[in-house]
Amino acid sequence: MIAGMSHEPARASAIADLMRAGRETARLSMVFRYAIADRLGLTVSDLECLDFLADAGSATAGQIAERTNLTTGAVTSMLRRLQQAGYLTAERDPADRRRVIVTLRPERTAELERPYERFAERTAQLIEGYSVEEITLLVRHNDRMQAMYLAELDRLRSGDTAQQTA
């Protein structure tokens, strides 16, 4: 039995439904990302990098490697390819000449956002029907899920393969 699961059948059934819905949402999100990347002629890692830069403004190769879970060598190749394709600018860090800071070229942002426009509109319509309390719950849930993913990624990167038992 999963930790925290009650013996109450209705609660157990609701939790099972939530877990199933979460897995299917994650699967469809991944399939959607692959379809968007393919439409743009990019890899999913390219798209993750560009999305990160759209949010962060600029970043070092090391920060991108951490965000995309790629090796620094793979990130270097990806950044070179994205720079040649005109998506990025790369400048030496004036504080540390060994580091390169990459930035998404703003004139390419609209092109990257276009495939998401319809989905964003439909998401806004969906959220319109939620109360502030429901939205707050969803934000809290997503924040907690993100923290769990980050913790698990750290564990996987550290080579810790021990299974947690509840």
N, C-alpha and C. Protein backbone atom coordinates (compact mmCIF):
# COMPACT_ATOMS: atom_id res chain seq x y z
N MET A 1 0.85 -1.18 0.00
CA MET A 1 0.00 0.00 0.00
C MET A 1 0.89 1.25 0.00
N ILE A 2 0.52 2.23 -0.78
CA ILE A 2 1.26 3.49 -0.86
C ILE A 2 1.08 4.24 0.45
N ALA A 3 2.19 4.83 0.93
CA ALA A 3 2.14 5.59 2.18
C ALA A 3 1.07 6.67 2.09
N GLY A 4 0.32 6.82 3.17
CA GLY A 4 -0.69 7.87 3.21
C GLY A 4 -2.03 7.44 2.63
N MET A 5 -2.10 6.22 2.04
CA MET A 5 -3.38 5.77 1.49
C MET A 5 -4.25 5.25 2.62
N SER A 6 -5.45 5.71 2.63
CA SER A 6 -6.41 5.32 3.66
C SER A 6 -7.04 3.99 3.27
N HIS A 7 -7.65 3.37 4.27
CA HIS A 7 -8.40 2.14 3.98
C HIS A 7 -9.79 2.46 3.46
N GLU A 8 -10.17 3.75 3.52
CA GLU A 8 -11.47 4.17 3.03
C GLU A 8 -11.53 3.96 1.52
N PRO A 9 -12.45 3.11 1.04
CA PRO A 9 -12.49 2.78 -0.40
C PRO A 9 -12.66 3.98 -1.32
N ALA A 10 -13.52 4.94 -0.98
CA ALA A 10 -13.74 6.09 -1.86
C ALA A 10 -12.46 6.91 -1.98
N ARG A 11 -11.74 7.10 -0.87
CA ARG A 11 -10.49 7.87 -0.89
C ARG A 11 -9.43 7.11 -1.69
N ALA A 12 -9.31 5.81 -1.46
CA ALA A 12 -8.33 5.00 -2.18
C ALA A 12 -8.62 5.03 -3.68
N SER A 13 -9.88 4.98 -4.05
CA SER A 13 -10.27 5.02 -5.46
C SER A 13 -9.95 6.40 -6.06
N ALA A 14 -10.22 7.46 -5.31
CA ALA A 14 -9.93 8.82 -5.79
C ALA A 14 -8.43 9.01 -5.96
N ILE A 15 -7.65 8.50 -5.02
CA ILE A 15 -6.19 8.61 -5.11
C ILE A 15 -5.68 7.84 -6.32
N ALA A 16 -6.22 6.64 -6.55
CA ALA A 16 -5.82 5.84 -7.71
C ALA A 16 -6.17 6.59 -9.00
N ASP A 17 -7.33 7.22 -9.04
CA ASP A 17 -7.74 8.00 -10.22
C ASP A 17 -6.78 9.18 -10.43
N LEU A 18 -6.40 9.86 -9.36
CA LEU A 18 -5.48 10.99 -9.46
C LEU A 18 -4.12 10.53 -9.97
N MET A 19 -3.61 9.43 -9.45
CA MET A 19 -2.30 8.91 -9.88
C MET A 19 -2.35 8.52 -11.37
N ARG A 20 -3.43 7.87 -11.78
CA ARG A 20 -3.59 7.47 -13.18
C ARG A 20 -3.67 8.71 -14.07
N ALA A 21 -4.46 9.71 -13.66
CA ALA A 21 -4.60 10.94 -14.44
C ALA A 21 -3.25 11.66 -14.52
N GLY A 22 -2.50 11.69 -13.45
CA GLY A 22 -1.18 12.33 -13.45
C GLY A 22 -0.23 11.65 -14.42
N ARG A 23 -0.22 10.32 -14.39
CA ARG A 23 0.65 9.57 -15.32
C ARG A 23 0.27 9.84 -16.77
N GLU A 24 -1.04 9.84 -17.06
CA GLU A 24 -1.48 10.06 -18.44
C GLU A 24 -1.19 11.50 -18.88
N THR A 25 -1.37 12.46 -17.98
CA THR A 25 -1.06 13.85 -18.31
C THR A 25 0.43 13.99 -18.61
N ALA A 26 1.28 13.37 -17.79
CA ALA A 26 2.72 13.43 -18.02
C ALA A 26 3.09 12.78 -19.35
N ARG A 27 2.46 11.64 -19.66
CA ARG A 27 2.75 10.95 -20.92
C ARG A 27 2.34 11.81 -22.11
N LEU A 28 1.13 12.36 -22.06
CA LEU A 28 0.66 13.19 -23.16
C LEU A 28 1.47 14.47 -23.29
N SER A 29 1.91 15.02 -22.17
CA SER A 29 2.76 16.21 -22.21
C SER A 29 4.06 15.90 -22.95
N MET A 30 4.63 14.73 -22.69
CA MET A 30 5.86 14.34 -23.36
C MET A 30 5.62 14.12 -24.86
N VAL A 31 4.55 13.46 -25.21
CA VAL A 31 4.22 13.23 -26.62
C VAL A 31 4.01 14.58 -27.32
N PHE A 32 3.32 15.51 -26.65
CA PHE A 32 3.08 16.85 -27.19
C PHE A 32 4.40 17.57 -27.42
N ARG A 33 5.33 17.49 -26.46
CA ARG A 33 6.64 18.14 -26.59
C ARG A 33 7.40 17.58 -27.80
N TYR A 34 7.36 16.27 -27.98
CA TYR A 34 8.02 15.67 -29.14
C TYR A 34 7.40 16.17 -30.44
N ALA A 35 6.07 16.29 -30.48
CA ALA A 35 5.39 16.76 -31.69
C ALA A 35 5.75 18.22 -31.99
N ILE A 36 5.81 19.05 -30.95
CA ILE A 36 6.19 20.46 -31.14
C ILE A 36 7.63 20.55 -31.64
N ALA A 37 8.52 19.81 -30.99
CA ALA A 37 9.93 19.83 -31.40
C ALA A 37 10.06 19.41 -32.85
N ASP A 38 9.36 18.35 -33.23
CA ASP A 38 9.40 17.86 -34.61
C ASP A 38 8.89 18.92 -35.58
N ARG A 39 7.81 19.58 -35.23
CA ARG A 39 7.23 20.64 -36.09
C ARG A 39 8.24 21.76 -36.31
N LEU A 40 9.05 22.06 -35.27
CA LEU A 40 10.04 23.14 -35.36
C LEU A 40 11.38 22.67 -35.94
N GLY A 41 11.50 21.36 -36.20
CA GLY A 41 12.77 20.83 -36.71
C GLY A 41 13.85 20.78 -35.64
N LEU A 42 13.42 20.59 -34.38
CA LEU A 42 14.34 20.55 -33.25
C LEU A 42 14.22 19.22 -32.53
N THR A 43 15.15 18.97 -31.62
CA THR A 43 15.00 17.83 -30.72
C THR A 43 14.29 18.33 -29.46
N VAL A 44 13.80 17.41 -28.65
CA VAL A 44 13.16 17.79 -27.38
C VAL A 44 14.17 18.49 -26.48
N SER A 45 15.41 18.03 -26.48
CA SER A 45 16.44 18.71 -25.68
C SER A 45 16.67 20.13 -26.16
N ASP A 46 16.67 20.34 -27.47
CA ASP A 46 16.78 21.69 -28.02
C ASP A 46 15.64 22.56 -27.49
N LEU A 47 14.45 22.01 -27.56
CA LEU A 47 13.26 22.75 -27.12
C LEU A 47 13.33 23.07 -25.63
N GLU A 48 13.78 22.09 -24.82
CA GLU A 48 13.92 22.32 -23.38
C GLU A 48 14.92 23.45 -23.13
N CYS A 49 16.01 23.44 -23.86
CA CYS A 49 17.03 24.48 -23.73
C CYS A 49 16.45 25.84 -24.08
N LEU A 50 15.76 25.94 -25.20
CA LEU A 50 15.21 27.21 -25.65
C LEU A 50 14.11 27.71 -24.71
N ASP A 51 13.29 26.78 -24.19
CA ASP A 51 12.25 27.16 -23.22
C ASP A 51 12.89 27.70 -21.95
N PHE A 52 13.94 27.04 -21.49
CA PHE A 52 14.65 27.48 -20.29
C PHE A 52 15.21 28.88 -20.51
N LEU A 53 15.83 29.11 -21.66
CA LEU A 53 16.39 30.42 -21.95
C LEU A 53 15.29 31.49 -22.09
N ALA A 54 14.14 31.10 -22.61
CA ALA A 54 13.02 32.06 -22.70
C ALA A 54 12.59 32.50 -21.31
N ASP A 55 12.63 31.59 -20.35
CA ASP A 55 12.26 31.92 -18.97
C ASP A 55 13.39 32.63 -18.23
N ALA A 56 14.61 32.13 -18.39
CA ALA A 56 15.75 32.61 -17.61
C ALA A 56 16.39 33.86 -18.20
N GLY A 57 16.20 34.08 -19.49
CA GLY A 57 16.86 35.20 -20.15
C GLY A 57 18.19 34.79 -20.73
N SER A 58 19.09 34.34 -19.89
CA SER A 58 20.38 33.82 -20.35
C SER A 58 20.87 32.82 -19.33
N ALA A 59 21.84 32.00 -19.73
CA ALA A 59 22.36 30.97 -18.84
C ALA A 59 23.72 30.50 -19.35
N THR A 60 24.44 29.83 -18.47
CA THR A 60 25.70 29.21 -18.86
C THR A 60 25.41 27.80 -19.37
N ALA A 61 26.39 27.24 -20.04
CA ALA A 61 26.25 25.86 -20.53
C ALA A 61 26.01 24.91 -19.36
N GLY A 62 26.68 25.14 -18.23
CA GLY A 62 26.50 24.29 -17.06
C GLY A 62 25.08 24.33 -16.54
N GLN A 63 24.49 25.51 -16.50
CA GLN A 63 23.10 25.63 -16.05
C GLN A 63 22.16 24.92 -17.01
N ILE A 64 22.43 25.01 -18.29
CA ILE A 64 21.60 24.32 -19.29
C ILE A 64 21.77 22.81 -19.15
N ALA A 65 22.99 22.36 -18.92
CA ALA A 65 23.23 20.92 -18.73
C ALA A 65 22.41 20.40 -17.54
N GLU A 66 22.41 21.17 -16.47
CA GLU A 66 21.65 20.75 -15.28
C GLU A 66 20.16 20.72 -15.60
N ARG A 67 19.66 21.72 -16.28
CA ARG A 67 18.24 21.83 -16.58
C ARG A 67 17.76 20.73 -17.53
N THR A 68 18.59 20.38 -18.52
CA THR A 68 18.19 19.41 -19.53
C THR A 68 18.64 17.99 -19.20
N ASN A 69 19.44 17.84 -18.14
CA ASN A 69 19.98 16.54 -17.72
C ASN A 69 20.88 15.94 -18.81
N LEU A 70 21.59 16.82 -19.55
CA LEU A 70 22.54 16.37 -20.55
C LEU A 70 23.96 16.59 -20.03
N THR A 71 24.90 15.90 -20.64
CA THR A 71 26.30 16.11 -20.29
C THR A 71 26.73 17.47 -20.85
N THR A 72 27.80 18.01 -20.29
CA THR A 72 28.29 19.30 -20.79
C THR A 72 28.73 19.18 -22.24
N GLY A 73 29.28 18.03 -22.63
CA GLY A 73 29.67 17.82 -24.03
C GLY A 73 28.47 17.85 -24.96
N ALA A 74 27.40 17.19 -24.56
CA ALA A 74 26.18 17.19 -25.38
C ALA A 74 25.60 18.59 -25.46
N VAL A 75 25.66 19.33 -24.35
CA VAL A 75 25.15 20.71 -24.34
C VAL A 75 25.98 21.59 -25.25
N THR A 76 27.27 21.42 -25.23
CA THR A 76 28.15 22.21 -26.11
C THR A 76 27.77 22.00 -27.57
N SER A 77 27.56 20.76 -27.97
CA SER A 77 27.16 20.47 -29.36
C SER A 77 25.79 21.07 -29.67
N MET A 78 24.85 20.93 -28.73
CA MET A 78 23.51 21.46 -28.92
C MET A 78 23.56 22.98 -29.06
N LEU A 79 24.32 23.65 -28.19
CA LEU A 79 24.41 25.11 -28.24
C LEU A 79 25.04 25.59 -29.55
N ARG A 80 26.04 24.88 -30.02
CA ARG A 80 26.68 25.24 -31.29
C ARG A 80 25.66 25.13 -32.43
N ARG A 81 24.90 24.04 -32.44
CA ARG A 81 23.89 23.82 -33.47
C ARG A 81 22.79 24.88 -33.40
N LEU A 82 22.32 25.22 -32.19
CA LEU A 82 21.27 26.23 -32.04
C LEU A 82 21.78 27.63 -32.38
N GLN A 83 23.04 27.87 -32.11
CA GLN A 83 23.62 29.17 -32.47
C GLN A 83 23.73 29.28 -34.00
N GLN A 84 24.19 28.21 -34.65
CA GLN A 84 24.30 28.21 -36.11
C GLN A 84 22.93 28.36 -36.77
N ALA A 85 21.88 27.83 -36.11
CA ALA A 85 20.52 27.94 -36.64
C ALA A 85 19.90 29.30 -36.33
N GLY A 86 20.63 30.15 -35.62
CA GLY A 86 20.17 31.51 -35.36
C GLY A 86 19.27 31.69 -34.16
N TYR A 87 19.18 30.66 -33.29
CA TYR A 87 18.31 30.77 -32.11
C TYR A 87 18.99 31.48 -30.94
N LEU A 88 20.31 31.41 -30.88
CA LEU A 88 21.05 31.87 -29.70
C LEU A 88 22.16 32.83 -30.06
N THR A 89 22.53 33.62 -29.07
CA THR A 89 23.80 34.34 -29.11
C THR A 89 24.64 33.78 -27.97
N ALA A 90 25.94 33.79 -28.16
CA ALA A 90 26.86 33.29 -27.12
C ALA A 90 27.94 34.33 -26.91
N GLU A 91 28.13 34.71 -25.66
CA GLU A 91 29.13 35.71 -25.30
C GLU A 91 29.98 35.16 -24.17
N ARG A 92 31.25 35.47 -24.18
CA ARG A 92 32.11 35.11 -23.05
C ARG A 92 31.65 35.88 -21.82
N ASP A 93 31.66 35.22 -20.69
CA ASP A 93 31.31 35.86 -19.42
C ASP A 93 32.45 36.80 -19.03
N PRO A 94 32.17 38.11 -18.92
CA PRO A 94 33.26 39.04 -18.58
C PRO A 94 33.88 38.74 -17.21
N ALA A 95 33.11 38.13 -16.32
CA ALA A 95 33.63 37.81 -14.99
C ALA A 95 34.49 36.55 -14.99
N ASP A 96 34.27 35.68 -15.97
CA ASP A 96 35.04 34.43 -16.06
C ASP A 96 35.11 34.06 -17.54
N ARG A 97 36.19 34.41 -18.19
CA ARG A 97 36.34 34.24 -19.64
C ARG A 97 36.22 32.78 -20.10
N ARG A 98 36.33 31.83 -19.18
CA ARG A 98 36.20 30.42 -19.56
C ARG A 98 34.74 30.05 -19.80
N ARG A 99 33.82 30.81 -19.20
CA ARG A 99 32.39 30.51 -19.32
C ARG A 99 31.76 31.29 -20.48
N VAL A 100 30.80 30.64 -21.08
CA VAL A 100 30.03 31.28 -22.15
C VAL A 100 28.60 31.45 -21.65
N ILE A 101 28.04 32.63 -21.89
CA ILE A 101 26.65 32.89 -21.53
C ILE A 101 25.85 32.92 -22.82
N VAL A 102 24.81 32.09 -22.87
CA VAL A 102 23.98 32.02 -24.07
C VAL A 102 22.63 32.68 -23.79
N THR A 103 22.10 33.30 -24.82
CA THR A 103 20.84 34.03 -24.72
C THR A 103 20.00 33.71 -25.94
N LEU A 104 18.72 33.50 -25.72
CA LEU A 104 17.79 33.30 -26.83
C LEU A 104 17.65 34.61 -27.59
N ARG A 105 17.73 34.54 -28.90
CA ARG A 105 17.54 35.76 -29.71
C ARG A 105 16.06 36.12 -29.68
N PRO A 106 15.73 37.32 -29.19
CA PRO A 106 14.32 37.69 -29.01
C PRO A 106 13.49 37.62 -30.28
N GLU A 107 14.10 37.86 -31.42
CA GLU A 107 13.33 37.83 -32.67
C GLU A 107 12.87 36.41 -33.04
N ARG A 108 13.40 35.39 -32.36
CA ARG A 108 12.99 34.00 -32.63
C ARG A 108 11.90 33.53 -31.66
N THR A 109 11.60 34.31 -30.63
CA THR A 109 10.66 33.90 -29.59
C THR A 109 9.27 33.60 -30.16
N ALA A 110 8.74 34.48 -31.00
CA ALA A 110 7.39 34.29 -31.54
C ALA A 110 7.28 32.98 -32.31
N GLU A 111 8.32 32.66 -33.06
CA GLU A 111 8.35 31.42 -33.84
C GLU A 111 8.26 30.19 -32.92
N LEU A 112 8.91 30.27 -31.76
CA LEU A 112 8.89 29.16 -30.81
C LEU A 112 7.56 29.07 -30.07
N GLU A 113 6.89 30.21 -29.90
CA GLU A 113 5.61 30.24 -29.17
C GLU A 113 4.43 29.83 -30.05
N ARG A 114 4.55 30.05 -31.35
CA ARG A 114 3.42 29.82 -32.26
C ARG A 114 2.78 28.43 -32.12
N PRO A 115 3.54 27.34 -32.07
CA PRO A 115 2.89 26.03 -31.97
C PRO A 115 2.10 25.82 -30.68
N TYR A 116 2.35 26.64 -29.66
CA TYR A 116 1.67 26.51 -28.37
C TYR A 116 0.43 27.40 -28.25
N GLU A 117 0.21 28.31 -29.20
CA GLU A 117 -0.82 29.33 -29.05
C GLU A 117 -2.21 28.75 -28.80
N ARG A 118 -2.62 27.79 -29.61
CA ARG A 118 -3.96 27.21 -29.45
C ARG A 118 -4.08 26.51 -28.10
N PHE A 119 -3.04 25.77 -27.72
CA PHE A 119 -3.06 25.07 -26.43
C PHE A 119 -3.15 26.09 -25.29
N ALA A 120 -2.40 27.18 -25.38
CA ALA A 120 -2.43 28.22 -24.35
C ALA A 120 -3.82 28.84 -24.23
N GLU A 121 -4.47 29.08 -25.37
CA GLU A 121 -5.83 29.63 -25.36
C GLU A 121 -6.80 28.66 -24.69
N ARG A 122 -6.68 27.40 -25.02
CA ARG A 122 -7.58 26.39 -24.44
C ARG A 122 -7.31 26.21 -22.95
N THR A 123 -6.05 26.32 -22.55
CA THR A 123 -5.70 26.24 -21.12
C THR A 123 -6.31 27.42 -20.37
N ALA A 124 -6.22 28.61 -20.95
CA ALA A 124 -6.80 29.80 -20.32
C ALA A 124 -8.31 29.63 -20.14
N GLN A 125 -8.98 29.06 -21.15
CA GLN A 125 -10.42 28.81 -21.05
C GLN A 125 -10.73 27.80 -19.95
N LEU A 126 -9.91 26.77 -19.85
CA LEU A 126 -10.09 25.76 -18.81
C LEU A 126 -9.96 26.38 -17.43
N ILE A 127 -8.91 27.15 -17.22
CA ILE A 127 -8.63 27.76 -15.93
C ILE A 127 -9.69 28.79 -15.55
N GLU A 128 -10.28 29.43 -16.56
CA GLU A 128 -11.33 30.43 -16.31
C GLU A 128 -12.45 29.87 -15.45
N GLY A 129 -12.71 28.58 -15.58
CA GLY A 129 -13.79 27.95 -14.81
C GLY A 129 -13.41 27.57 -13.39
N TYR A 130 -12.17 27.80 -12.99
CA TYR A 130 -11.72 27.41 -11.65
C TYR A 130 -11.82 28.59 -10.69
N SER A 131 -12.11 28.28 -9.44
CA SER A 131 -12.10 29.31 -8.40
C SER A 131 -10.65 29.62 -8.02
N VAL A 132 -10.46 30.73 -7.31
CA VAL A 132 -9.13 31.09 -6.83
C VAL A 132 -8.58 29.97 -5.94
N GLU A 133 -9.43 29.39 -5.11
CA GLU A 133 -9.00 28.31 -4.21
C GLU A 133 -8.53 27.09 -5.00
N GLU A 134 -9.27 26.75 -6.07
CA GLU A 134 -8.87 25.61 -6.90
C GLU A 134 -7.54 25.89 -7.60
N ILE A 135 -7.39 27.09 -8.11
CA ILE A 135 -6.13 27.45 -8.78
C ILE A 135 -4.98 27.40 -7.78
N THR A 136 -5.20 27.91 -6.57
CA THR A 136 -4.17 27.88 -5.53
C THR A 136 -3.78 26.44 -5.19
N LEU A 137 -4.76 25.56 -5.11
CA LEU A 137 -4.48 24.14 -4.86
C LEU A 137 -3.64 23.55 -5.98
N LEU A 138 -3.99 23.86 -7.22
CA LEU A 138 -3.24 23.32 -8.37
C LEU A 138 -1.81 23.86 -8.39
N VAL A 139 -1.63 25.14 -8.08
CA VAL A 139 -0.28 25.71 -8.02
C VAL A 139 0.53 25.00 -6.94
N ARG A 140 -0.07 24.84 -5.77
CA ARG A 140 0.63 24.16 -4.66
C ARG A 140 1.00 22.72 -5.05
N HIS A 141 0.06 22.02 -5.66
CA HIS A 141 0.32 20.65 -6.09
C HIS A 141 1.46 20.60 -7.11
N ASN A 142 1.41 21.49 -8.11
CA ASN A 142 2.47 21.50 -9.12
C ASN A 142 3.82 21.89 -8.51
N ASP A 143 3.84 22.85 -7.61
CA ASP A 143 5.10 23.22 -6.93
C ASP A 143 5.68 22.01 -6.19
N ARG A 144 4.83 21.27 -5.51
CA ARG A 144 5.30 20.09 -4.76
C ARG A 144 5.78 18.99 -5.70
N MET A 145 5.07 18.80 -6.81
CA MET A 145 5.50 17.79 -7.80
C MET A 145 6.86 18.18 -8.39
N GLN A 146 7.04 19.48 -8.70
CA GLN A 146 8.32 19.93 -9.24
C GLN A 146 9.44 19.68 -8.25
N ALA A 147 9.20 19.96 -6.98
CA ALA A 147 10.22 19.72 -5.95
C ALA A 147 10.55 18.23 -5.87
N MET A 148 9.54 17.38 -6.00
CA MET A 148 9.80 15.93 -5.98
C MET A 148 10.61 15.51 -7.19
N TYR A 149 10.27 16.02 -8.37
CA TYR A 149 11.04 15.70 -9.57
C TYR A 149 12.50 16.15 -9.41
N LEU A 150 12.71 17.36 -8.92
CA LEU A 150 14.07 17.86 -8.73
C LEU A 150 14.85 17.00 -7.75
N ALA A 151 14.21 16.60 -6.66
CA ALA A 151 14.88 15.74 -5.68
C ALA A 151 15.23 14.39 -6.29
N GLU A 152 14.31 13.83 -7.07
CA GLU A 152 14.58 12.54 -7.71
C GLU A 152 15.68 12.66 -8.76
N LEU A 153 15.70 13.76 -9.51
CA LEU A 153 16.77 13.97 -10.48
C LEU A 153 18.12 14.07 -9.77
N ASP A 154 18.17 14.80 -8.66
CA ASP A 154 19.41 14.89 -7.88
C ASP A 154 19.85 13.51 -7.42
N ARG A 155 18.89 12.71 -6.95
CA ARG A 155 19.19 11.36 -6.47
C ARG A 155 19.73 10.50 -7.62
N LEU A 156 19.08 10.57 -8.77
CA LEU A 156 19.52 9.78 -9.92
C LEU A 156 20.91 10.22 -10.40
N ARG A 157 21.15 11.54 -10.41
CA ARG A 157 22.45 12.05 -10.84
C ARG A 157 23.57 11.66 -9.89
N SER A 158 23.22 11.53 -8.61
CA SER A 158 24.25 11.18 -7.64
C SER A 158 24.57 9.69 -7.65
N GLY A 159 23.78 8.93 -8.41
CA GLY A 159 24.02 7.49 -8.49
C GLY A 159 23.35 6.71 -7.37
N ASP A 160 22.54 7.40 -6.55
CA ASP A 160 21.84 6.75 -5.45
C ASP A 160 20.73 5.89 -6.05
N THR A 161 20.86 4.59 -5.92
CA THR A 161 19.85 3.70 -6.49
C THR A 161 19.02 3.03 -5.42
N ALA A 162 19.25 3.38 -4.15
CA ALA A 162 18.48 2.77 -3.06
C ALA A 162 17.02 3.16 -3.18
N GLN A 163 16.15 2.20 -2.97
CA GLN A 163 14.71 2.45 -3.02
C GLN A 163 14.24 2.95 -1.66
N GLN A 164 13.47 4.02 -1.67
CA GLN A 164 12.87 4.55 -0.45
C GLN A 164 11.72 3.62 -0.09
N THR A 165 11.61 3.29 1.17
CA THR A 165 10.45 2.54 1.62
C THR A 165 9.69 3.40 2.61
N ALA A 166 8.39 3.27 2.53
CA ALA A 166 7.55 4.11 3.41
C ALA A 166 7.19 3.39 4.66
